[in-house]
């Protein structure tokens, strides 16, 4: 392989990598922008609506924690049987 061909391949690879990274950066920026807007809209809610939303989030977290606890207890029982 000639030096010229080597550098052509190297620069071609760098160009493709840069394009792919740019797409990733655009997607991450769009996601951050949407999250920021969602946070702003939530902050504008009335206090009662915000409290209700927070209560729903807490209930969801409690349900997930109970599922994790049940799974851990099942693992403990399985380990004791062996």
PDB file of N, CA and C in Angstrom:
ATOM      1  N   UNK A   1       0.852  -1.176   0.000  1.00  0.00           N
ATOM      2  CA  UNK A   1       0.000   0.000   0.000  1.00  0.00           C
ATOM      3  C   UNK A   1       0.896   1.236   0.000  1.00  0.00           C
ATOM      4  N   UNK A   2       0.563   2.150  -0.844  1.00  0.00           N
ATOM      5  CA  UNK A   2       1.368   3.371  -0.933  1.00  0.00           C
ATOM      6  C   UNK A   2       0.995   4.324   0.205  1.00  0.00           C
ATOM      7  N   UNK A   3       1.880   5.243   0.456  1.00  0.00           N
ATOM      8  CA  UNK A   3       1.651   6.235   1.500  1.00  0.00           C
ATOM      9  C   UNK A   3       0.439   7.083   1.152  1.00  0.00           C
ATOM     10  N   UNK A   4       0.311   7.419  -0.115  1.00  0.00           N
ATOM     11  CA  UNK A   4      -0.822   8.240  -0.562  1.00  0.00           C
ATOM     12  C   UNK A   4      -2.141   7.521  -0.275  1.00  0.00           C
ATOM     13  N   UNK A   5      -2.206   6.249  -0.605  1.00  0.00           N
ATOM     14  CA  UNK A   5      -3.428   5.464  -0.378  1.00  0.00           C
ATOM     15  C   UNK A   5      -3.714   5.335   1.119  1.00  0.00           C
ATOM     16  N   UNK A   6      -2.655   5.163   1.907  1.00  0.00           N
ATOM     17  CA  UNK A   6      -2.808   5.059   3.359  1.00  0.00           C
ATOM     18  C   UNK A   6      -3.478   6.308   3.921  1.00  0.00           C
ATOM     19  N   UNK A   7      -2.974   7.483   3.520  1.00  0.00           N
ATOM     20  CA  UNK A   7      -3.533   8.726   4.035  1.00  0.00           C
ATOM     21  C   UNK A   7      -4.946   8.976   3.503  1.00  0.00           C
ATOM     22  N   UNK A   8      -5.211   8.575   2.273  1.00  0.00           N
ATOM     23  CA  UNK A   8      -6.570   8.717   1.751  1.00  0.00           C
ATOM     24  C   UNK A   8      -7.541   7.893   2.588  1.00  0.00           C
ATOM     25  N   UNK A   9      -7.165   6.662   2.910  1.00  0.00           N
ATOM     26  CA  UNK A   9      -8.024   5.808   3.741  1.00  0.00           C
ATOM     27  C   UNK A   9      -8.186   6.384   5.139  1.00  0.00           C
ATOM     28  N   UNK A  10      -7.089   6.876   5.703  1.00  0.00           N
ATOM     29  CA  UNK A  10      -7.139   7.433   7.060  1.00  0.00           C
ATOM     30  C   UNK A  10      -8.068   8.643   7.110  1.00  0.00           C
ATOM     31  N   UNK A  11      -7.925   9.552   6.160  1.00  0.00           N
ATOM     32  CA  UNK A  11      -8.775  10.740   6.156  1.00  0.00           C
ATOM     33  C   UNK A  11     -10.225  10.392   5.849  1.00  0.00           C
ATOM     34  N   UNK A  12     -10.438   9.410   5.031  1.00  0.00           N
ATOM     35  CA  UNK A  12     -11.795   8.963   4.743  1.00  0.00           C
ATOM     36  C   UNK A  12     -12.451   8.399   6.006  1.00  0.00           C
ATOM     37  N   UNK A  13     -11.695   7.599   6.743  1.00  0.00           N
ATOM     38  CA  UNK A  13     -12.210   7.048   7.999  1.00  0.00           C
ATOM     39  C   UNK A  13     -12.517   8.148   9.008  1.00  0.00           C
ATOM     40  N   UNK A  14     -11.632   9.138   9.100  1.00  0.00           N
ATOM     41  CA  UNK A  14     -11.856  10.249  10.034  1.00  0.00           C
ATOM     42  C   UNK A  14     -13.106  11.038   9.647  1.00  0.00           C
ATOM     43  N   UNK A  15     -13.317  11.213   8.340  1.00  0.00           N
ATOM     44  CA  UNK A  15     -14.485  11.948   7.861  1.00  0.00           C
ATOM     45  C   UNK A  15     -15.769  11.219   8.246  1.00  0.00           C
ATOM     46  N   UNK A  16     -15.802   9.917   8.046  1.00  0.00           N
ATOM     47  CA  UNK A  16     -16.986   9.128   8.414  1.00  0.00           C
ATOM     48  C   UNK A  16     -17.214   9.151   9.918  1.00  0.00           C
ATOM     49  N   UNK A  17     -16.151   9.051  10.677  1.00  0.00           N
ATOM     50  CA  UNK A  17     -16.262   9.078  12.134  1.00  0.00           C
ATOM     51  C   UNK A  17     -16.797  10.425  12.614  1.00  0.00           C
ATOM     52  N   UNK A  18     -16.335  11.490  11.995  1.00  0.00           N
ATOM     53  CA  UNK A  18     -16.798  12.830  12.356  1.00  0.00           C
ATOM     54  C   UNK A  18     -18.278  12.992  12.042  1.00  0.00           C
ATOM     55  N   UNK A  19     -18.720  12.490  10.892  1.00  0.00           N
ATOM     56  CA  UNK A  19     -20.141  12.566  10.539  1.00  0.00           C
ATOM     57  C   UNK A  19     -20.994  11.811  11.555  1.00  0.00           C
ATOM     58  N   UNK A  20     -20.547  10.624  11.927  1.00  0.00           N
ATOM     59  CA  UNK A  20     -21.309   9.817  12.887  1.00  0.00           C
ATOM     60  C   UNK A  20     -21.364  10.511  14.248  1.00  0.00           C
ATOM     61  N   UNK A  21     -20.246  11.085  14.691  1.00  0.00           N
ATOM     62  CA  UNK A  21     -20.224  11.774  15.983  1.00  0.00           C
ATOM     63  C   UNK A  21     -21.114  13.001  15.950  1.00  0.00           C
ATOM     64  N   UNK A  22     -21.164  13.683  14.812  1.00  0.00           N
ATOM     65  CA  UNK A  22     -22.032  14.853  14.674  1.00  0.00           C
ATOM     66  C   UNK A  22     -23.498  14.456  14.838  1.00  0.00           C
ATOM     67  N   UNK A  23     -23.888  13.326  14.278  1.00  0.00           N
ATOM     68  CA  UNK A  23     -25.263  12.842  14.429  1.00  0.00           C
ATOM     69  C   UNK A  23     -25.569  12.540  15.895  1.00  0.00           C
ATOM     70  N   UNK A  24     -24.617  11.938  16.588  1.00  0.00           N
ATOM     71  CA  UNK A  24     -24.791  11.645  18.017  1.00  0.00           C
ATOM     72  C   UNK A  24     -24.946  12.946  18.793  1.00  0.00           C
ATOM     73  N   UNK A  25     -24.099  13.928  18.495  1.00  0.00           N
ATOM     74  CA  UNK A  25     -24.173  15.213  19.183  1.00  0.00           C
ATOM     75  C   UNK A  25     -25.507  15.915  18.935  1.00  0.00           C
ATOM     76  N   UNK A  26     -26.007  15.866  17.692  1.00  0.00           N
ATOM     77  CA  UNK A  26     -27.293  16.477  17.381  1.00  0.00           C
ATOM     78  C   UNK A  26     -28.412  15.809  18.172  1.00  0.00           C
ATOM     79  N   UNK A  27     -28.384  14.488  18.253  1.00  0.00           N
ATOM     80  CA  UNK A  27     -29.419  13.763  18.986  1.00  0.00           C
ATOM     81  C   UNK A  27     -29.369  14.087  20.481  1.00  0.00           C
ATOM     82  N   UNK A  28     -28.164  14.145  21.038  1.00  0.00           N
ATOM     83  CA  UNK A  28     -28.019  14.480  22.453  1.00  0.00           C
ATOM     84  C   UNK A  28     -28.480  15.905  22.735  1.00  0.00           C
ATOM     85  N   UNK A  29     -28.184  16.833  21.834  1.00  0.00           N
ATOM     86  CA  UNK A  29     -28.622  18.213  22.007  1.00  0.00           C
ATOM     87  C   UNK A  29     -30.141  18.311  21.964  1.00  0.00           C
ATOM     88  N   UNK A  30     -30.762  17.611  21.030  1.00  0.00           N
ATOM     89  CA  UNK A  30     -32.221  17.633  20.923  1.00  0.00           C
ATOM     90  C   UNK A  30     -32.866  17.043  22.176  1.00  0.00           C
ATOM     91  N   UNK A  31     -32.264  15.986  22.706  1.00  0.00           N
ATOM     92  CA  UNK A  31     -32.802  15.376  23.929  1.00  0.00           C
ATOM     93  C   UNK A  31     -32.670  16.326  25.106  1.00  0.00           C
ATOM     94  N   UNK A  32     -31.533  16.977  25.246  1.00  0.00           N
ATOM     95  CA  UNK A  32     -31.326  17.916  26.349  1.00  0.00           C
ATOM     96  C   UNK A  32     -32.279  19.100  26.233  1.00  0.00           C
ATOM     97  N   UNK A  33     -32.504  19.563  25.016  1.00  0.00           N
ATOM     98  CA  UNK A  33     -33.424  20.671  24.783  1.00  0.00           C
ATOM     99  C   UNK A  33     -34.853  20.285  25.174  1.00  0.00           C
ATOM    100  N   UNK A  34     -35.276  19.082  24.794  1.00  0.00           N
ATOM    101  CA  UNK A  34     -36.627  18.616  25.128  1.00  0.00           C
ATOM    102  C   UNK A  34     -36.781  18.429  26.636  1.00  0.00           C
ATOM    103  N   UNK A  35     -35.743  17.888  27.289  1.00  0.00           N
ATOM    104  CA  UNK A  35     -35.806  17.716  28.741  1.00  0.00           C
ATOM    105  C   UNK A  35     -35.902  19.063  29.447  1.00  0.00           C
ATOM    106  N   UNK A  36     -35.154  20.036  28.961  1.00  0.00           N
ATOM    107  CA  UNK A  36     -35.195  21.372  29.547  1.00  0.00           C
ATOM    108  C   UNK A  36     -36.582  21.989  29.410  1.00  0.00           C
ATOM    109  N   UNK A  37     -37.178  21.832  28.231  1.00  0.00           N
ATOM    110  CA  UNK A  37     -38.522  22.366  28.012  1.00  0.00           C
ATOM    111  C   UNK A  37     -39.536  21.663  28.912  1.00  0.00           C
ATOM    112  N   UNK A  38     -39.394  20.353  29.068  1.00  0.00           N
ATOM    113  CA  UNK A  38     -40.306  19.610  29.937  1.00  0.00           C
ATOM    114  C   UNK A  38     -40.189  20.094  31.379  1.00  0.00           C
ATOM    115  N   UNK A  39     -38.964  20.334  31.818  1.00  0.00           N
ATOM    116  CA  UNK A  39     -38.755  20.837  33.179  1.00  0.00           C
ATOM    117  C   UNK A  39     -39.395  22.209  33.341  1.00  0.00           C
ATOM    118  N   UNK A  40     -39.258  23.060  32.341  1.00  0.00           N
ATOM    119  CA  UNK A  40     -39.851  24.388  32.382  1.00  0.00           C
ATOM    120  C   UNK A  40     -41.375  24.298  32.442  1.00  0.00           C
ATOM    121  N   UNK A  41     -41.959  23.437  31.618  1.00  0.00           N
ATOM    122  CA  UNK A  41     -43.414  23.304  31.607  1.00  0.00           C
ATOM    123  C   UNK A  41     -43.913  22.755  32.951  1.00  0.00           C
ATOM    124  N   UNK A  42     -43.173  21.831  33.530  1.00  0.00           N
ATOM    125  CA  UNK A  42     -43.561  21.301  34.835  1.00  0.00           C
ATOM    126  C   UNK A  42     -43.481  22.377  35.905  1.00  0.00           C
ATOM    127  N   UNK A  43     -42.495  23.246  35.815  1.00  0.00           N
ATOM    128  CA  UNK A  43     -42.342  24.315  36.803  1.00  0.00           C
ATOM    129  C   UNK A  43     -43.478  25.322  36.709  1.00  0.00           C
ATOM    130  N   UNK A  44     -44.061  25.480  35.530  1.00  0.00           N
ATOM    131  CA  UNK A  44     -45.162  26.426  35.349  1.00  0.00           C
ATOM    132  C   UNK A  44     -46.504  25.877  35.828  1.00  0.00           C
ATOM    133  N   UNK A  45     -46.557  24.595  36.180  1.00  0.00           N
ATOM    134  CA  UNK A  45     -47.823  24.009  36.617  1.00  0.00           C
ATOM    135  C   UNK A  45     -48.285  24.645  37.930  1.00  0.00           C
ATOM    136  N   UNK A  46     -49.568  24.508  38.176  1.00  0.00           N
ATOM    137  CA  UNK A  46     -50.096  24.995  39.445  1.00  0.00           C
ATOM    138  C   UNK A  46     -49.539  24.129  40.572  1.00  0.00           C
ATOM    139  N   UNK A  47     -49.484  24.669  41.784  1.00  0.00           N
ATOM    140  CA  UNK A  47     -48.929  23.890  42.901  1.00  0.00           C
ATOM    141  C   UNK A  47     -49.645  22.558  43.126  1.00  0.00           C
ATOM    142  N   UNK A  48     -50.960  22.537  42.970  1.00  0.00           N
ATOM    143  CA  UNK A  48     -51.686  21.287  43.196  1.00  0.00           C
ATOM    144  C   UNK A  48     -51.351  20.252  42.120  1.00  0.00           C
ATOM    145  N   UNK A  49     -51.227  20.692  40.888  1.00  0.00           N
ATOM    146  CA  UNK A  49     -50.876  19.767  39.805  1.00  0.00           C
ATOM    147  C   UNK A  49     -49.459  19.244  40.002  1.00  0.00           C
ATOM    148  N   UNK A  50     -48.567  20.111  40.452  1.00  0.00           N
ATOM    149  CA  UNK A  50     -47.185  19.700  40.694  1.00  0.00           C
ATOM    150  C   UNK A  50     -47.128  18.694  41.846  1.00  0.00           C
ATOM    151  N   UNK A  51     -47.890  18.937  42.898  1.00  0.00           N
ATOM    152  CA  UNK A  51     -47.917  18.001  44.025  1.00  0.00           C
ATOM    153  C   UNK A  51     -48.441  16.644  43.581  1.00  0.00           C
ATOM    154  N   UNK A  52     -49.464  16.643  42.756  1.00  0.00           N
ATOM    155  CA  UNK A  52     -50.034  15.396  42.264  1.00  0.00           C
ATOM    156  C   UNK A  52     -49.008  14.639  41.428  1.00  0.00           C
ATOM    157  N   UNK A  53     -48.280  15.352  40.560  1.00  0.00           N
ATOM    158  CA  UNK A  53     -47.266  14.728  39.724  1.00  0.00           C
ATOM    159  C   UNK A  53     -46.160  14.118  40.603  1.00  0.00           C
ATOM    160  N   UNK A  54     -45.746  14.858  41.614  1.00  0.00           N
ATOM    161  CA  UNK A  54     -44.696  14.361  42.501  1.00  0.00           C
ATOM    162  C   UNK A  54     -45.176  13.141  43.283  1.00  0.00           C
ATOM    163  N   UNK A  55     -46.446  13.144  43.698  1.00  0.00           N
ATOM    164  CA  UNK A  55     -46.993  11.999  44.427  1.00  0.00           C
ATOM    165  C   UNK A  55     -47.016  10.764  43.533  1.00  0.00           C
ATOM    166  N   UNK A  56     -47.391  10.944  42.274  1.00  0.00           N
ATOM    167  CA  UNK A  56     -47.396   9.818  41.334  1.00  0.00           C
ATOM    168  C   UNK A  56     -45.985   9.267  41.147  1.00  0.00           C
ATOM    169  N   UNK A  57     -44.991  10.155  41.066  1.00  0.00           N
ATOM    170  CA  UNK A  57     -43.599   9.711  40.935  1.00  0.00           C
ATOM    171  C   UNK A  57     -43.156   8.926  42.167  1.00  0.00           C
ATOM    172  N   UNK A  58     -43.544   9.415  43.362  1.00  0.00           N
ATOM    173  CA  UNK A  58     -43.187   8.702  44.591  1.00  0.00           C
ATOM    174  C   UNK A  58     -43.830   7.324  44.639  1.00  0.00           C
ATOM    175  N   UNK A  59     -45.100   7.236  44.241  1.00  0.00           N
ATOM    176  CA  UNK A  59     -45.790   5.951  44.233  1.00  0.00           C
ATOM    177  C   UNK A  59     -45.116   4.974  43.264  1.00  0.00           C
ATOM    178  N   UNK A  60     -44.682   5.491  42.125  1.00  0.00           N
ATOM    179  CA  UNK A  60     -43.984   4.653  41.149  1.00  0.00           C
ATOM    180  C   UNK A  60     -42.660   4.152  41.724  1.00  0.00           C
ATOM    181  N   UNK A  61     -41.939   5.017  42.416  1.00  0.00           N
ATOM    182  CA  UNK A  61     -40.669   4.627  43.027  1.00  0.00           C
ATOM    183  C   UNK A  61     -40.884   3.580  44.113  1.00  0.00           C
ATOM    184  N   UNK A  62     -41.952   3.738  44.897  1.00  0.00           N
ATOM    185  CA  UNK A  62     -42.261   2.760  45.949  1.00  0.00           C
ATOM    186  C   UNK A  62     -42.575   1.410  45.327  1.00  0.00           C
ATOM    187  N   UNK A  63     -43.364   1.405  44.250  1.00  0.00           N
ATOM    188  CA  UNK A  63     -43.707   0.148  43.574  1.00  0.00           C
ATOM    189  C   UNK A  63     -42.452  -0.543  43.036  1.00  0.00           C
ATOM    190  N   UNK A  64     -41.550   0.215  42.436  1.00  0.00           N
ATOM    191  CA  UNK A  64     -40.308  -0.369  41.927  1.00  0.00           C
ATOM    192  C   UNK A  64     -39.462  -0.931  43.068  1.00  0.00           C
ATOM    193  N   UNK A  65     -39.408  -0.220  44.185  1.00  0.00           N
ATOM    194  CA  UNK A  65     -38.627  -0.687  45.330  1.00  0.00           C
ATOM    195  C   UNK A  65     -39.210  -1.981  45.888  1.00  0.00           C
ATOM    196  N   UNK A  66     -40.530  -2.082  45.928  1.00  0.00           N
ATOM    197  CA  UNK A  66     -41.159  -3.308  46.418  1.00  0.00           C
ATOM    198  C   UNK A  66     -40.877  -4.481  45.483  1.00  0.00           C
ATOM    199  N   UNK A  67     -40.870  -4.220  44.173  1.00  0.00           N
ATOM    200  CA  UNK A  67     -40.540  -5.272  43.211  1.00  0.00           C
ATOM    201  C   UNK A  67     -39.105  -5.749  43.413  1.00  0.00           C
ATOM    202  N   UNK A  68     -38.197  -4.816  43.616  1.00  0.00           N
ATOM    203  CA  UNK A  68     -36.798  -5.187  43.850  1.00  0.00           C
ATOM    204  C   UNK A  68     -36.657  -5.989  45.142  1.00  0.00           C
ATOM    205  N   UNK A  69     -37.401  -5.586  46.184  1.00  0.00           N
ATOM    206  CA  UNK A  69     -37.349  -6.305  47.454  1.00  0.00           C
ATOM    207  C   UNK A  69     -37.871  -7.726  47.290  1.00  0.00           C
ATOM    208  N   UNK A  70     -38.971  -7.880  46.557  1.00  0.00           N
ATOM    209  CA  UNK A  70     -39.535  -9.209  46.331  1.00  0.00           C
ATOM    210  C   UNK A  70     -38.556 -10.087  45.551  1.00  0.00           C
ATOM    211  N   UNK A  71     -37.916  -9.514  44.546  1.00  0.00           N
ATOM    212  CA  UNK A  71     -36.939 -10.272  43.766  1.00  0.00           C
ATOM    213  C   UNK A  71     -35.757 -10.688  44.638  1.00  0.00           C
ATOM    214  N   UNK A  72     -35.315  -9.806  45.514  1.00  0.00           N
ATOM    215  CA  UNK A  72     -34.197 -10.132  46.407  1.00  0.00           C
ATOM    216  C   UNK A  72     -34.593 -11.224  47.384  1.00  0.00           C
ATOM    217  N   UNK A  73     -35.797 -11.154  47.918  1.00  0.00           N
ATOM    218  CA  UNK A  73     -36.257 -12.197  48.844  1.00  0.00           C
ATOM    219  C   UNK A  73     -36.346 -13.551  48.148  1.00  0.00           C
ATOM    220  N   UNK A  74     -36.773 -13.545  46.900  1.00  0.00           N
ATOM    221  CA  UNK A  74     -36.841 -14.787  46.135  1.00  0.00           C
ATOM    222  C   UNK A  74     -35.442 -15.359  45.933  1.00  0.00           C
ATOM    223  N   UNK A  75     -34.492 -14.505  45.641  1.00  0.00           N
ATOM    224  CA  UNK A  75     -33.105 -14.961  45.483  1.00  0.00           C
ATOM    225  C   UNK A  75     -32.570 -15.543  46.780  1.00  0.00           C
ATOM    226  N   UNK A  76     -32.930 -14.923  47.916  1.00  0.00           N
ATOM    227  CA  UNK A  76     -32.493 -15.419  49.227  1.00  0.00           C
ATOM    228  C   UNK A  76     -33.058 -16.816  49.463  1.00  0.00           C
ATOM    229  N   UNK A  77     -34.348 -16.988  49.172  1.00  0.00           N
ATOM    230  CA  UNK A  77     -34.981 -18.295  49.357  1.00  0.00           C
ATOM    231  C   UNK A  77     -34.328 -19.353  48.471  1.00  0.00           C
ATOM    232  N   UNK A  78     -34.055 -18.986  47.223  1.00  0.00           N
ATOM    233  CA  UNK A  78     -33.402 -19.930  46.299  1.00  0.00           C
ATOM    234  C   UNK A  78     -31.998 -20.290  46.789  1.00  0.00           C
ATOM    235  N   UNK A  79     -31.305 -19.328  47.344  1.00  0.00           N
ATOM    236  CA  UNK A  79     -29.952 -19.586  47.830  1.00  0.00           C
ATOM    237  C   UNK A  79     -29.973 -20.497  49.060  1.00  0.00           C
ATOM    238  N   UNK A  80     -30.985 -20.363  49.905  1.00  0.00           N
ATOM    239  CA  UNK A  80     -31.080 -21.198  51.108  1.00  0.00           C
ATOM    240  C   UNK A  80     -31.432 -22.637  50.756  1.00  0.00           C
ATOM    241  N   UNK A  81     -32.149 -22.856  49.653  1.00  0.00           N
ATOM    242  CA  UNK A  81     -32.554 -24.196  49.247  1.00  0.00           C
ATOM    243  C   UNK A  81     -31.385 -25.013  48.741  1.00  0.00           C
ATOM    244  N   UNK A  82     -30.355 -24.396  48.282  1.00  0.00           N
ATOM    245  CA  UNK A  82     -29.217 -25.116  47.695  1.00  0.00           C
ATOM    246  C   UNK A  82     -28.328 -25.678  48.723  1.00  0.00           C
TER     247      UNK A  82
END
